[in-house]
Structure formats: structure tokens, C-alpha cells
N, C-alpha and C. Protein backbone atom coordinates (compact mmCIF):
# COMPACT_ATOMS: atom_id res chain seq x y z
N MET A 1 77.98 5.18 124.31
CA MET A 1 77.56 6.16 123.34
C MET A 1 78.53 6.24 122.17
N GLU A 2 79.35 5.24 122.02
CA GLU A 2 80.31 5.21 120.92
C GLU A 2 79.63 5.26 119.56
N TRP A 3 78.42 4.73 119.46
CA TRP A 3 77.71 4.69 118.18
C TRP A 3 77.28 6.08 117.72
N LEU A 4 77.32 7.09 118.63
CA LEU A 4 76.96 8.45 118.25
C LEU A 4 78.12 9.20 117.62
N HIS A 5 79.31 8.66 117.70
CA HIS A 5 80.49 9.35 117.16
C HIS A 5 80.46 9.33 115.63
N VAL A 6 80.51 10.50 115.06
CA VAL A 6 80.53 10.65 113.60
C VAL A 6 81.80 11.41 113.25
N THR A 7 82.58 10.87 112.34
CA THR A 7 83.81 11.55 111.93
C THR A 7 83.46 12.75 111.05
N ALA A 8 84.42 13.64 110.88
CA ALA A 8 84.22 14.81 110.03
C ALA A 8 83.92 14.38 108.59
N GLU A 9 84.60 13.33 108.13
CA GLU A 9 84.38 12.85 106.76
C GLU A 9 82.97 12.28 106.58
N GLN A 10 82.51 11.53 107.57
CA GLN A 10 81.14 11.01 107.50
C GLN A 10 80.14 12.15 107.52
N GLY A 11 80.44 13.17 108.28
CA GLY A 11 79.57 14.35 108.34
C GLY A 11 79.49 15.05 107.00
N LEU A 12 80.62 15.09 106.28
CA LEU A 12 80.61 15.71 104.95
C LEU A 12 79.68 14.96 104.01
N TRP A 13 79.74 13.63 104.06
CA TRP A 13 78.84 12.84 103.21
C TRP A 13 77.39 13.03 103.63
N GLY A 14 77.16 13.19 104.91
CA GLY A 14 75.81 13.47 105.40
C GLY A 14 75.30 14.81 104.89
N ILE A 15 76.18 15.81 104.87
CA ILE A 15 75.82 17.14 104.33
C ILE A 15 75.44 17.00 102.86
N PHE A 16 76.25 16.26 102.10
CA PHE A 16 75.98 16.07 100.67
C PHE A 16 74.62 15.40 100.48
N LEU A 17 74.37 14.32 101.20
CA LEU A 17 73.12 13.58 101.05
C LEU A 17 71.92 14.42 101.48
N ALA A 18 72.03 15.11 102.60
CA ALA A 18 70.93 15.96 103.06
C ALA A 18 70.65 17.09 102.08
N SER A 19 71.70 17.66 101.51
CA SER A 19 71.54 18.74 100.53
C SER A 19 70.89 18.23 99.26
N PHE A 20 71.29 17.04 98.83
CA PHE A 20 70.68 16.45 97.64
C PHE A 20 69.19 16.20 97.85
N LEU A 21 68.87 15.54 98.94
CA LEU A 21 67.47 15.20 99.22
C LEU A 21 66.61 16.44 99.44
N ALA A 22 67.19 17.48 100.04
CA ALA A 22 66.43 18.71 100.29
C ALA A 22 66.06 19.42 98.99
N ALA A 23 66.79 19.18 97.92
CA ALA A 23 66.52 19.85 96.65
C ALA A 23 65.56 19.07 95.77
N THR A 24 65.22 17.87 96.16
CA THR A 24 64.24 17.12 95.41
C THR A 24 62.85 17.48 95.94
N VAL A 25 61.85 16.84 95.46
CA VAL A 25 60.50 17.14 95.94
C VAL A 25 60.23 16.55 97.32
N LEU A 26 61.20 15.87 97.91
CA LEU A 26 61.06 15.37 99.28
C LEU A 26 61.17 16.54 100.25
N PRO A 27 60.39 16.53 101.31
CA PRO A 27 60.49 17.65 102.27
C PRO A 27 61.77 17.54 103.09
N GLY A 28 62.27 18.67 103.49
CA GLY A 28 63.45 18.68 104.34
C GLY A 28 64.35 19.85 104.01
N GLY A 29 65.23 20.16 104.92
CA GLY A 29 66.17 21.24 104.73
C GLY A 29 67.55 20.79 105.16
N SER A 30 68.55 21.43 104.64
CA SER A 30 69.92 21.05 104.97
C SER A 30 70.67 22.17 105.67
N GLU A 31 70.07 23.34 105.77
CA GLU A 31 70.77 24.48 106.35
C GLU A 31 71.12 24.27 107.82
N LEU A 32 70.21 23.71 108.58
CA LEU A 32 70.46 23.49 110.00
C LEU A 32 71.60 22.49 110.21
N LEU A 33 71.63 21.46 109.39
CA LEU A 33 72.70 20.47 109.46
C LEU A 33 74.04 21.11 109.11
N LEU A 34 74.06 21.93 108.07
CA LEU A 34 75.28 22.64 107.66
C LEU A 34 75.74 23.58 108.78
N PHE A 35 74.80 24.30 109.36
CA PHE A 35 75.10 25.23 110.44
C PHE A 35 75.73 24.50 111.62
N GLY A 36 75.12 23.40 112.03
CA GLY A 36 75.65 22.62 113.15
C GLY A 36 76.99 22.00 112.86
N TYR A 37 77.16 21.48 111.64
CA TYR A 37 78.42 20.86 111.27
C TYR A 37 79.56 21.89 111.32
N LEU A 38 79.30 23.08 110.78
CA LEU A 38 80.34 24.11 110.79
C LEU A 38 80.63 24.62 112.20
N GLY A 39 79.64 24.52 113.08
CA GLY A 39 79.89 24.86 114.48
C GLY A 39 80.90 23.91 115.11
N LEU A 40 80.88 22.65 114.68
CA LEU A 40 81.82 21.65 115.19
C LEU A 40 83.13 21.62 114.42
N HIS A 41 83.07 21.90 113.12
CA HIS A 41 84.24 21.80 112.25
C HIS A 41 84.37 23.06 111.37
N PRO A 42 84.69 24.20 111.98
CA PRO A 42 84.77 25.44 111.19
C PRO A 42 85.87 25.40 110.13
N GLU A 43 86.87 24.57 110.32
CA GLU A 43 87.96 24.46 109.34
C GLU A 43 87.51 23.79 108.04
N GLN A 44 86.33 23.20 108.05
CA GLN A 44 85.79 22.50 106.88
C GLN A 44 84.86 23.40 106.05
N PHE A 45 84.97 24.72 106.21
CA PHE A 45 84.03 25.63 105.54
C PHE A 45 83.95 25.39 104.04
N TRP A 46 85.08 25.38 103.35
CA TRP A 46 85.05 25.26 101.88
C TRP A 46 84.60 23.89 101.40
N PRO A 47 85.08 22.80 102.01
CA PRO A 47 84.54 21.50 101.59
C PRO A 47 83.03 21.38 101.83
N VAL A 48 82.55 21.89 102.96
CA VAL A 48 81.12 21.83 103.25
C VAL A 48 80.35 22.67 102.24
N LEU A 49 80.83 23.86 101.97
CA LEU A 49 80.17 24.73 100.99
C LEU A 49 80.11 24.05 99.63
N GLY A 50 81.21 23.46 99.21
CA GLY A 50 81.26 22.78 97.92
C GLY A 50 80.34 21.58 97.84
N LEU A 51 80.37 20.72 98.86
CA LEU A 51 79.53 19.52 98.83
C LEU A 51 78.05 19.83 98.98
N ALA A 52 77.71 20.81 99.81
CA ALA A 52 76.31 21.19 99.96
C ALA A 52 75.78 21.78 98.66
N THR A 53 76.57 22.62 98.03
CA THR A 53 76.16 23.22 96.75
C THR A 53 76.04 22.16 95.67
N LEU A 54 76.99 21.26 95.61
CA LEU A 54 76.95 20.18 94.62
C LEU A 54 75.72 19.30 94.83
N GLY A 55 75.52 18.85 96.06
CA GLY A 55 74.38 17.98 96.35
C GLY A 55 73.05 18.66 96.07
N ASN A 56 72.91 19.91 96.49
CA ASN A 56 71.66 20.62 96.30
C ASN A 56 71.42 20.92 94.82
N SER A 57 72.47 21.22 94.09
CA SER A 57 72.33 21.48 92.64
C SER A 57 71.97 20.20 91.90
N LEU A 58 72.60 19.09 92.25
CA LEU A 58 72.26 17.82 91.61
C LEU A 58 70.81 17.41 91.92
N GLY A 59 70.37 17.67 93.13
CA GLY A 59 68.98 17.39 93.48
C GLY A 59 68.02 18.23 92.66
N GLY A 60 68.35 19.50 92.48
CA GLY A 60 67.52 20.38 91.65
C GLY A 60 67.50 19.92 90.20
N MET A 61 68.65 19.43 89.73
CA MET A 61 68.71 18.95 88.34
C MET A 61 67.94 17.64 88.18
N CYS A 62 67.80 16.87 89.24
CA CYS A 62 66.95 15.66 89.16
C CYS A 62 65.50 16.07 88.97
N THR A 63 65.07 17.09 89.70
CA THR A 63 63.71 17.60 89.51
C THR A 63 63.55 18.14 88.10
N TYR A 64 64.55 18.90 87.64
CA TYR A 64 64.54 19.45 86.27
C TYR A 64 64.43 18.31 85.25
N ALA A 65 65.26 17.30 85.40
CA ALA A 65 65.29 16.19 84.42
C ALA A 65 64.00 15.40 84.44
N SER A 66 63.46 15.14 85.62
CA SER A 66 62.22 14.35 85.68
C SER A 66 61.04 15.10 85.08
N SER A 67 61.05 16.41 85.17
CA SER A 67 59.93 17.18 84.62
C SER A 67 59.95 17.23 83.09
N ARG A 68 61.06 16.90 82.50
CA ARG A 68 61.12 16.86 81.03
C ARG A 68 60.25 15.74 80.47
N PHE A 69 59.88 14.79 81.31
CA PHE A 69 59.03 13.68 80.88
C PHE A 69 57.55 13.98 81.04
N LEU A 70 57.23 15.12 81.66
CA LEU A 70 55.82 15.48 81.83
C LEU A 70 55.24 15.93 80.48
N PRO A 71 54.01 15.55 80.21
CA PRO A 71 53.39 15.99 78.95
C PRO A 71 53.12 17.50 78.98
N ARG A 72 53.10 18.09 77.82
CA ARG A 72 52.80 19.52 77.71
C ARG A 72 51.32 19.66 77.40
N TRP A 73 50.60 20.24 78.37
CA TRP A 73 49.16 20.41 78.21
C TRP A 73 48.87 21.75 77.56
N GLN A 74 47.90 21.75 76.70
CA GLN A 74 47.55 22.95 75.96
C GLN A 74 47.12 24.09 76.88
N ARG A 75 46.33 23.79 77.92
CA ARG A 75 45.83 24.86 78.78
C ARG A 75 46.94 25.49 79.63
N MET A 76 48.05 24.82 79.80
CA MET A 76 49.16 25.38 80.58
C MET A 76 50.00 26.33 79.74
N GLU A 77 49.85 26.28 78.44
CA GLU A 77 50.64 27.14 77.55
C GLU A 77 50.33 28.61 77.75
N SER A 78 49.15 28.94 78.27
CA SER A 78 48.75 30.35 78.41
C SER A 78 48.92 30.90 79.82
N LEU A 79 49.50 30.14 80.72
CA LEU A 79 49.68 30.63 82.09
C LEU A 79 50.68 31.78 82.13
N PRO A 80 50.38 32.84 82.92
CA PRO A 80 51.32 33.97 83.00
C PRO A 80 52.67 33.57 83.62
N GLN A 81 52.67 32.57 84.53
CA GLN A 81 53.93 32.14 85.13
C GLN A 81 54.84 31.53 84.07
N LYS A 82 54.26 30.84 83.13
CA LYS A 82 55.05 30.23 82.05
C LYS A 82 55.70 31.33 81.22
N GLU A 83 54.93 32.36 80.91
CA GLU A 83 55.47 33.46 80.12
C GLU A 83 56.60 34.17 80.87
N ARG A 84 56.43 34.37 82.18
CA ARG A 84 57.48 35.02 82.97
C ARG A 84 58.75 34.19 82.99
N LEU A 85 58.61 32.89 83.20
CA LEU A 85 59.79 32.03 83.25
C LEU A 85 60.48 31.98 81.89
N GLU A 86 59.70 31.94 80.84
CA GLU A 86 60.30 31.96 79.51
C GLU A 86 61.03 33.28 79.26
N ARG A 87 60.45 34.41 79.76
CA ARG A 87 61.10 35.71 79.58
C ARG A 87 62.41 35.78 80.35
N TRP A 88 62.40 35.33 81.61
CA TRP A 88 63.60 35.37 82.43
C TRP A 88 64.56 34.24 82.07
N GLY A 89 64.02 33.15 81.57
CA GLY A 89 64.84 32.02 81.16
C GLY A 89 65.53 31.35 82.33
N SER A 90 66.66 30.79 82.05
CA SER A 90 67.37 30.02 83.07
C SER A 90 67.89 30.89 84.22
N SER A 91 68.02 32.21 84.00
CA SER A 91 68.50 33.08 85.08
C SER A 91 67.54 33.10 86.27
N ALA A 92 66.28 32.75 86.05
CA ALA A 92 65.32 32.68 87.16
C ALA A 92 65.71 31.61 88.17
N LEU A 93 66.51 30.65 87.73
CA LEU A 93 66.89 29.56 88.63
C LEU A 93 67.90 29.98 89.70
N ILE A 94 68.33 31.22 89.67
CA ILE A 94 69.16 31.72 90.76
C ILE A 94 68.35 31.71 92.07
N PHE A 95 67.00 31.66 91.93
CA PHE A 95 66.11 31.60 93.08
C PHE A 95 65.66 30.18 93.40
N ALA A 96 66.34 29.19 92.84
CA ALA A 96 65.99 27.79 93.07
C ALA A 96 66.21 27.37 94.52
N TRP A 97 66.89 28.16 95.31
CA TRP A 97 67.14 27.83 96.70
C TRP A 97 65.93 28.15 97.59
N LEU A 98 64.98 28.93 97.09
CA LEU A 98 63.82 29.31 97.90
C LEU A 98 62.93 28.10 98.19
N PRO A 99 62.42 28.00 99.41
CA PRO A 99 61.52 26.90 99.73
C PRO A 99 60.27 26.94 98.83
N LEU A 100 59.82 25.79 98.38
CA LEU A 100 58.66 25.58 97.54
C LEU A 100 58.79 26.23 96.16
N ILE A 101 59.10 27.51 96.12
CA ILE A 101 59.23 28.21 94.85
C ILE A 101 60.38 27.63 94.05
N GLY A 102 61.48 27.31 94.72
CA GLY A 102 62.65 26.77 94.03
C GLY A 102 62.36 25.45 93.34
N ASP A 103 61.65 24.56 94.02
CA ASP A 103 61.28 23.28 93.40
C ASP A 103 60.42 23.51 92.17
N ALA A 104 59.47 24.45 92.29
CA ALA A 104 58.59 24.75 91.16
C ALA A 104 59.38 25.34 90.00
N LEU A 105 60.37 26.17 90.29
CA LEU A 105 61.20 26.74 89.22
C LEU A 105 61.98 25.65 88.48
N CYS A 106 62.56 24.73 89.24
CA CYS A 106 63.32 23.63 88.63
C CYS A 106 62.39 22.76 87.78
N LEU A 107 61.22 22.49 88.30
CA LEU A 107 60.24 21.69 87.59
C LEU A 107 59.81 22.39 86.29
N ALA A 108 59.52 23.67 86.39
CA ALA A 108 59.07 24.42 85.22
C ALA A 108 60.17 24.55 84.18
N ALA A 109 61.41 24.74 84.62
CA ALA A 109 62.52 24.87 83.67
C ALA A 109 62.70 23.60 82.85
N GLY A 110 62.57 22.46 83.50
CA GLY A 110 62.65 21.20 82.76
C GLY A 110 61.47 21.01 81.84
N TRP A 111 60.28 21.35 82.33
CA TRP A 111 59.06 21.19 81.54
C TRP A 111 59.11 22.07 80.29
N LEU A 112 59.70 23.28 80.44
CA LEU A 112 59.82 24.19 79.31
C LEU A 112 60.99 23.85 78.40
N ARG A 113 61.76 22.83 78.79
CA ARG A 113 62.93 22.39 78.03
C ARG A 113 63.98 23.49 77.88
N LEU A 114 64.18 24.28 78.96
CA LEU A 114 65.26 25.26 78.95
C LEU A 114 66.58 24.49 78.91
N HIS A 115 67.60 25.07 78.31
CA HIS A 115 68.88 24.38 78.19
C HIS A 115 69.45 24.08 79.57
N TRP A 116 69.94 22.87 79.76
CA TRP A 116 70.33 22.39 81.08
C TRP A 116 71.55 23.10 81.66
N LEU A 117 72.54 23.46 80.84
CA LEU A 117 73.77 24.02 81.40
C LEU A 117 73.56 25.38 82.05
N PRO A 118 72.92 26.35 81.38
CA PRO A 118 72.66 27.62 82.09
C PRO A 118 71.77 27.42 83.32
N CYS A 119 70.82 26.49 83.23
CA CYS A 119 69.97 26.20 84.39
C CYS A 119 70.82 25.73 85.56
N LEU A 120 71.73 24.81 85.30
CA LEU A 120 72.60 24.29 86.35
C LEU A 120 73.49 25.39 86.93
N LEU A 121 74.05 26.22 86.07
CA LEU A 121 74.96 27.27 86.55
C LEU A 121 74.24 28.30 87.42
N TYR A 122 73.08 28.76 86.98
CA TYR A 122 72.33 29.72 87.80
C TYR A 122 71.84 29.09 89.09
N MET A 123 71.40 27.86 88.99
CA MET A 123 70.93 27.14 90.17
C MET A 123 72.07 27.01 91.19
N ALA A 124 73.23 26.59 90.73
CA ALA A 124 74.38 26.40 91.62
C ALA A 124 74.84 27.73 92.24
N LEU A 125 74.79 28.80 91.46
CA LEU A 125 75.19 30.11 91.98
C LEU A 125 74.28 30.54 93.13
N GLY A 126 72.98 30.44 92.93
CA GLY A 126 72.04 30.82 93.99
C GLY A 126 72.20 29.96 95.23
N LYS A 127 72.36 28.67 95.02
CA LYS A 127 72.48 27.75 96.15
C LYS A 127 73.81 27.97 96.89
N ALA A 128 74.87 28.24 96.16
CA ALA A 128 76.17 28.51 96.79
C ALA A 128 76.11 29.77 97.64
N LEU A 129 75.47 30.80 97.12
CA LEU A 129 75.35 32.05 97.89
C LEU A 129 74.55 31.83 99.17
N ARG A 130 73.49 31.05 99.07
CA ARG A 130 72.68 30.75 100.26
C ARG A 130 73.50 29.99 101.29
N TYR A 131 74.21 28.94 100.86
CA TYR A 131 75.02 28.16 101.80
C TYR A 131 76.17 28.99 102.36
N ALA A 132 76.73 29.89 101.58
CA ALA A 132 77.81 30.76 102.08
C ALA A 132 77.29 31.66 103.20
N LEU A 133 76.09 32.18 103.04
CA LEU A 133 75.50 33.01 104.08
C LEU A 133 75.22 32.21 105.35
N VAL A 134 74.68 31.02 105.19
CA VAL A 134 74.42 30.15 106.34
C VAL A 134 75.75 29.80 107.02
N GLY A 135 76.75 29.47 106.21
CA GLY A 135 78.06 29.13 106.74
C GLY A 135 78.71 30.28 107.49
N GLN A 136 78.58 31.48 106.95
CA GLN A 136 79.12 32.65 107.63
C GLN A 136 78.43 32.86 108.97
N GLY A 137 77.14 32.62 109.00
CA GLY A 137 76.40 32.74 110.26
C GLY A 137 76.88 31.74 111.30
N ALA A 138 77.25 30.56 110.85
CA ALA A 138 77.75 29.53 111.77
C ALA A 138 79.12 29.88 112.30
N MET A 139 79.86 30.67 111.55
CA MET A 139 81.23 31.00 111.94
C MET A 139 81.29 32.17 112.95
N LEU A 140 80.17 32.84 113.14
CA LEU A 140 80.17 34.01 114.06
C LEU A 140 80.25 33.59 115.50
């Protein structure tokens, strides 16, 4: 069973990759992996939190960036969701961690051509808070 042995460093890269992929339009979650990893390596709390947040934020920004290439359709200009997102702006991306809704927010923010830096900052803040809560739960 030697092939099952994963070092702490390899696990960190796995957390990063799982977090990145979970934030794209691919299905999957990274919270359970983070929870389990911290159960085995509680001393790695801050590196795990940082890498999971980084990976998940970069994945969200990939969705944001790819949606900037979508055409703007006239009939979508009048949707109430568009008006709400424009009113809240990039601060709405603090909810980018929510399942399904978060992907749609990242997609819409790119489609609306909201400025990337505030989008990234709000997105990272929300995702960091979510991972911190999951991490704290693993530490109990």
C-alpha cells in the first residue's frame, strides 16, 4: 500500500488543484478534501487556507475571463438579474463561493465587463471566509 502514501506537500498541491477545478464550471467541491487534509495536518492551516483560496479564486477568474468573450445579446440587456448585478457591482462576488450561484456570478461579472481587480478581491474574500470556516470545523 506504499502507493497510497501522500506527503503533506503533495496534499497541498492537491488542495490547490481541487480548489481551482471546483471554481470552474466543472462539477466538484473542495471543502471535503480541505476538511480531511486538515484533520491529518492541522499544523498546515494557513498554507491550506492560502492555497485553497488562491486556487478557488483563480478558477473563478477563469470563468470571469472566459465569459468576456460571450456576445452581448440585446434581449439579455433587460433582465432584472443584470440590473441587480450592475447595481451591486463587483461586491456581489463575495458570494462567488455559493454552489451554482457563484459560478453564475463570476460568469455574469465577466460578461458585464466589471473591472477585474475588485471582482478578484471580493471573490477571494468570500472564498477565504468560507475556507476558514471549513478549516475551523476540521480543527474541532
